Amino acid sequence: MGRLDQRVVLVTGATSGIGNAIARRCVAEGARVLATGRDQARLADLAALGGSVAVYAGDLSQPAAADECVAAAVAAFGRLDGLVHAAGGIRRQEDLRETTDEQWAWMMGVNLDGTFRLARACLRVMVPGGGSMVLVGSQLAQVGAPGYASYCASKGAVESLVRALAVDFGPSGVRVNALSPGVVATPMAYVDRPDFDDQVETVASRLPLRRIGQPGDMAGPAVFLLSDDSGWMTGQSLVVDGGYTAQ
């Protein structure tokens, strides 16, 4: 028996990187998973895992998508016990003085507005029965980095939202925590670092554990936050960053 046996978990961003690793680990731990993403082929690969997986193809930056994917989970499995919101985006602007209103709005829309809508949709079906929500933040909600002001602000807001929701909905049995990765080797790492492969050793040398993260490094902590193992934990940010923020 797995730690998530028969629980229904919605995983966003499940077609790539961290979300994909978490979705597969949830299935291995006995969960029934509604996987969302925009890549139809990769959703088909997840669906091939069997009857414990249903899929929803959509773009969570669209306002209607949050309600639709939550409804799809309930339609497929009858309820919703957990959420891992791994979908998001990152762009680097070298200087905030040159950041446009459109660039700022895009970052907030993808990382904060989408999180708000999805949390709202999930809470509407989790309350009053309870559940566990895991919203993916970032180590850059804890520390700054050159050129990432809008990203840091968006993820900092997500982690503040986690604390507020934990206080509001703890009495209803809903736990809300953040999973905050450090530098992880995912396709998103290449978005603003085309030379990411050339930087790996340099980045790793700055971490106490001397390696950058892999998507699978996030799967175990996500299952922990979803499961009863973290049953008295809410409103927290679990930073998984190879030790970077300990320095």
Protein backbone atom coordinates (compact mmCIF):
# COMPACT_ATOMS: atom_id res chain seq x y z
CA MET A 1 0.00 0.00 0.00
CA GLY A 2 1.33 3.43 -0.98
CA ARG A 3 1.23 6.59 1.07
CA LEU A 4 -1.45 8.04 -1.22
CA ASP A 5 -3.50 4.89 -1.67
CA GLN A 6 -6.82 5.66 -3.43
CA ARG A 7 -6.49 9.42 -2.96
CA VAL A 8 -7.38 11.67 -5.86
CA VAL A 9 -4.65 14.16 -6.69
CA LEU A 10 -4.64 16.89 -9.32
CA VAL A 11 -1.16 17.63 -10.69
CA THR A 12 -0.66 20.63 -12.96
CA GLY A 13 2.33 21.05 -15.22
CA ALA A 14 2.39 17.27 -15.40
CA THR A 15 3.78 16.97 -18.91
CA SER A 16 7.28 18.20 -18.08
CA GLY A 17 9.98 18.45 -15.46
CA ILE A 18 8.94 18.62 -11.82
CA GLY A 19 5.23 18.15 -12.47
CA ASN A 20 5.81 15.04 -14.54
CA ALA A 21 8.06 13.45 -11.91
CA ILE A 22 5.52 14.21 -9.18
CA ALA A 23 2.59 12.85 -11.18
CA ARG A 24 4.40 9.56 -11.80
CA ARG A 25 5.44 9.26 -8.15
CA CYS A 26 1.86 9.90 -7.00
CA VAL A 27 0.68 7.03 -9.20
CA ALA A 28 3.41 4.80 -7.78
CA GLU A 29 2.20 5.72 -4.27
CA GLY A 30 -1.32 4.53 -5.09
CA ALA A 31 -3.01 7.81 -6.01
CA ARG A 32 -5.52 8.37 -8.74
CA VAL A 33 -4.18 11.33 -10.68
CA LEU A 34 -5.75 13.97 -12.90
CA ALA A 35 -2.76 15.24 -14.89
CA THR A 36 -2.91 18.57 -16.69
CA GLY A 37 -0.68 20.14 -19.29
CA ARG A 38 -0.51 21.50 -22.81
CA ASP A 39 1.53 18.73 -24.47
CA GLN A 40 -0.96 16.21 -25.85
CA ALA A 41 1.67 13.56 -26.57
CA ARG A 42 3.07 13.63 -23.05
CA LEU A 43 -0.42 13.56 -21.58
CA ALA A 44 -1.00 10.41 -23.63
CA ASP A 45 2.14 8.90 -22.10
CA LEU A 46 0.74 9.55 -18.63
CA ALA A 47 -2.67 8.17 -19.58
CA ALA A 48 -0.91 4.99 -20.71
CA LEU A 49 -0.01 4.33 -17.07
CA GLY A 50 -3.52 2.95 -16.68
CA GLY A 51 -6.92 3.59 -15.19
CA SER A 52 -5.47 5.45 -12.23
CA VAL A 53 -4.66 8.41 -14.50
CA ALA A 54 -7.01 10.80 -16.26
CA VAL A 55 -5.82 13.83 -18.22
CA TYR A 56 -6.94 17.36 -18.97
CA ALA A 57 -5.35 19.28 -21.84
CA GLY A 58 -5.45 23.00 -21.25
CA ASP A 59 -3.61 26.22 -20.53
CA LEU A 60 -3.99 27.28 -16.90
CA SER A 61 -3.22 30.88 -17.81
CA GLN A 62 -6.75 30.96 -19.23
CA PRO A 63 -9.30 31.95 -16.56
CA ALA A 64 -11.74 29.11 -17.22
CA ALA A 65 -9.12 26.34 -17.11
CA ALA A 66 -8.87 26.07 -13.31
CA ASP A 67 -12.55 25.28 -12.82
CA GLU A 68 -12.51 22.96 -15.82
CA CYS A 69 -9.60 20.79 -14.66
CA VAL A 70 -10.97 20.51 -11.11
CA ALA A 71 -14.34 19.49 -12.57
CA ALA A 72 -12.53 16.92 -14.72
CA ALA A 73 -10.90 15.39 -11.63
CA VAL A 74 -14.22 15.12 -9.82
CA ALA A 75 -15.91 13.72 -12.92
CA ALA A 76 -13.20 11.08 -13.36
CA PHE A 77 -12.77 9.98 -9.75
CA GLY A 78 -15.67 11.37 -7.73
CA ARG A 79 -13.76 13.71 -5.44
CA LEU A 80 -10.51 15.63 -4.94
CA ASP A 81 -8.12 14.99 -2.04
CA GLY A 82 -4.93 16.69 -3.13
CA LEU A 83 -3.38 19.27 -5.41
CA VAL A 84 0.17 19.82 -6.62
CA HIS A 85 0.29 23.02 -8.63
CA ALA A 86 3.57 22.75 -10.53
CA ALA A 87 2.64 24.77 -13.62
CA GLY A 88 4.36 28.13 -13.87
CA GLY A 89 6.79 30.22 -15.82
CA ILE A 90 10.05 32.12 -15.54
CA ARG A 91 11.60 34.96 -17.51
CA ARG A 92 14.66 36.97 -16.66
CA GLN A 93 14.61 40.74 -17.02
CA GLU A 94 18.09 42.16 -16.58
CA ASP A 95 16.99 45.44 -14.97
CA LEU A 96 13.64 46.28 -13.37
CA ARG A 97 13.93 49.76 -14.87
CA GLU A 98 13.56 48.15 -18.28
CA THR A 99 10.79 45.72 -17.33
CA THR A 100 7.59 46.57 -19.17
CA ASP A 101 4.10 46.49 -17.71
CA GLU A 102 3.36 43.61 -20.07
CA GLN A 103 6.33 41.56 -18.85
CA TRP A 104 5.38 42.14 -15.20
CA ALA A 105 1.73 41.27 -15.88
CA TRP A 106 2.72 38.07 -17.70
CA MET A 107 4.80 36.86 -14.75
CA MET A 108 2.10 37.62 -12.21
CA GLY A 109 -0.56 36.12 -14.45
CA VAL A 110 1.25 32.82 -14.89
CA ASN A 111 2.62 32.35 -11.37
CA LEU A 112 0.17 34.17 -9.10
CA ASP A 113 -3.18 34.66 -10.84
CA GLY A 114 -3.21 31.07 -12.09
CA THR A 115 -2.40 29.83 -8.57
CA PHE A 116 -5.21 31.92 -7.09
CA ARG A 117 -7.78 30.56 -9.55
CA LEU A 118 -6.71 26.96 -9.08
CA ALA A 119 -6.64 27.20 -5.29
CA ARG A 120 -10.09 28.75 -5.34
CA ALA A 121 -11.47 25.99 -7.56
CA CYS A 122 -9.93 23.24 -5.42
CA LEU A 123 -11.13 24.73 -2.14
CA ARG A 124 -14.69 24.80 -3.44
CA VAL A 125 -14.68 21.01 -3.67
CA MET A 126 -12.34 20.19 -0.75
CA VAL A 127 -14.30 22.10 1.89
CA PRO A 128 -15.64 20.78 4.21
CA GLY A 129 -14.16 17.31 3.60
CA GLY A 130 -10.52 18.36 3.80
CA GLY A 131 -7.45 17.78 1.66
CA SER A 132 -3.86 18.81 1.05
CA MET A 133 -2.74 21.51 -1.35
CA VAL A 134 0.90 21.82 -2.43
CA LEU A 135 1.68 25.02 -4.30
CA VAL A 136 5.09 25.13 -5.94
CA GLY A 137 7.07 28.19 -4.89
CA SER A 138 10.80 28.73 -5.30
CA GLN A 139 13.98 29.28 -3.35
CA LEU A 140 13.76 32.75 -4.93
CA ALA A 141 10.81 33.49 -2.67
CA GLN A 142 13.38 33.32 0.15
CA VAL A 143 16.35 35.08 -1.43
CA GLY A 144 16.93 37.48 -4.29
CA ALA A 145 18.83 36.88 -7.51
CA PRO A 146 20.09 39.38 -10.07
CA GLY A 147 17.61 40.00 -12.86
CA TYR A 148 14.72 38.06 -11.37
CA ALA A 149 12.73 40.74 -9.52
CA SER A 150 9.37 39.93 -11.11
CA TYR A 151 9.84 36.17 -10.68
CA CYS A 152 10.92 36.58 -7.04
CA ALA A 153 7.89 38.78 -6.39
CA SER A 154 5.48 36.32 -7.99
CA LYS A 155 6.77 33.34 -6.05
CA GLY A 156 6.98 35.34 -2.83
CA ALA A 157 3.31 36.18 -3.28
CA VAL A 158 2.50 32.50 -3.82
CA GLU A 159 4.16 31.56 -0.54
CA SER A 160 2.36 34.38 1.28
CA LEU A 161 -0.91 33.07 -0.18
CA VAL A 162 -0.02 29.62 1.20
CA ARG A 163 0.18 31.00 4.73
CA ALA A 164 -3.09 32.91 4.41
CA LEU A 165 -4.98 29.92 3.03
CA ALA A 166 -3.57 27.67 5.75
CA VAL A 167 -5.03 29.97 8.40
CA ASP A 168 -8.36 30.38 6.64
CA PHE A 169 -9.01 26.75 5.78
CA GLY A 170 -7.20 24.76 8.46
CA PRO A 171 -10.42 24.59 10.52
CA SER A 172 -12.09 22.94 7.51
CA GLY A 173 -9.42 20.24 7.35
CA VAL A 174 -7.52 21.61 4.35
CA ARG A 175 -3.74 21.81 4.68
CA VAL A 176 -1.83 24.20 2.40
CA ASN A 177 1.96 24.13 2.01
CA ALA A 178 4.56 25.29 -0.49
CA LEU A 179 7.21 23.14 -2.12
CA SER A 180 10.06 25.48 -3.00
CA PRO A 181 12.71 24.10 -5.35
CA GLY A 182 16.17 25.39 -6.00
CA VAL A 183 17.87 25.04 -9.37
CA VAL A 184 16.48 21.92 -11.03
CA ALA A 185 17.45 20.49 -14.42
CA THR A 186 14.15 20.86 -16.26
CA PRO A 187 13.23 22.29 -19.67
CA MET A 188 12.29 25.53 -17.89
CA ALA A 189 15.92 25.93 -16.79
CA TYR A 190 16.82 26.57 -20.43
CA VAL A 191 14.19 29.25 -21.03
CA ASP A 192 16.47 32.14 -20.14
CA ARG A 193 19.72 30.16 -19.89
CA PRO A 194 20.37 28.61 -23.31
CA ASP A 195 23.88 27.80 -22.04
CA PHE A 196 22.50 26.02 -18.96
CA ASP A 197 24.52 22.86 -19.67
CA ASP A 198 27.72 24.90 -19.59
CA GLN A 199 26.76 26.44 -16.22
CA VAL A 200 25.83 23.25 -14.37
CA GLU A 201 29.21 22.66 -12.74
CA THR A 202 29.53 26.30 -11.67
CA VAL A 203 26.04 26.36 -10.17
CA ALA A 204 26.59 23.00 -8.45
CA SER A 205 29.84 24.21 -6.88
CA ARG A 206 27.85 26.88 -4.98
CA LEU A 207 25.58 24.33 -3.32
CA PRO A 208 26.51 22.44 -0.14
CA LEU A 209 25.40 19.17 -1.78
CA ARG A 210 27.50 19.98 -4.86
CA ARG A 211 24.90 19.03 -7.48
CA ILE A 212 21.89 20.68 -9.03
CA GLY A 213 18.47 19.15 -8.50
CA GLN A 214 16.70 16.63 -10.69
CA PRO A 215 12.91 16.51 -11.14
CA GLY A 216 12.75 13.33 -9.08
CA ASP A 217 14.24 15.19 -6.11
CA MET A 218 10.94 17.05 -5.82
CA ALA A 219 8.69 13.99 -6.02
CA GLY A 220 9.37 12.57 -2.56
CA PRO A 221 8.87 15.90 -0.77
CA ALA A 222 5.64 16.46 -2.70
CA VAL A 223 4.29 13.06 -1.65
CA PHE A 224 5.28 13.84 1.94
CA LEU A 225 3.28 17.07 1.86
CA LEU A 226 0.28 15.33 0.33
CA SER A 227 0.33 12.40 2.72
CA ASP A 228 -0.56 11.87 6.37
CA ASP A 229 3.16 11.96 7.16
CA SER A 230 2.80 15.76 7.18
CA GLY A 231 -0.61 15.69 8.84
CA TRP A 232 0.22 18.39 11.42
CA MET A 233 1.97 20.67 8.96
CA THR A 234 0.34 23.60 7.21
CA GLY A 235 1.26 27.10 6.11
CA GLN A 236 4.90 26.14 5.61
CA SER A 237 7.43 26.36 2.81
CA LEU A 238 9.49 23.21 2.33
CA VAL A 239 12.66 24.40 0.59
CA VAL A 240 14.44 21.71 -1.42
CA ASP A 241 17.48 23.44 -2.87
CA GLY A 242 20.62 21.42 -2.19
CA GLY A 243 21.34 23.65 0.77
CA TYR A 244 21.64 26.95 -1.11
CA THR A 245 19.50 29.02 1.26
CA ALA A 246 21.28 27.58 4.32
CA GLN A 247 24.35 29.65 3.47
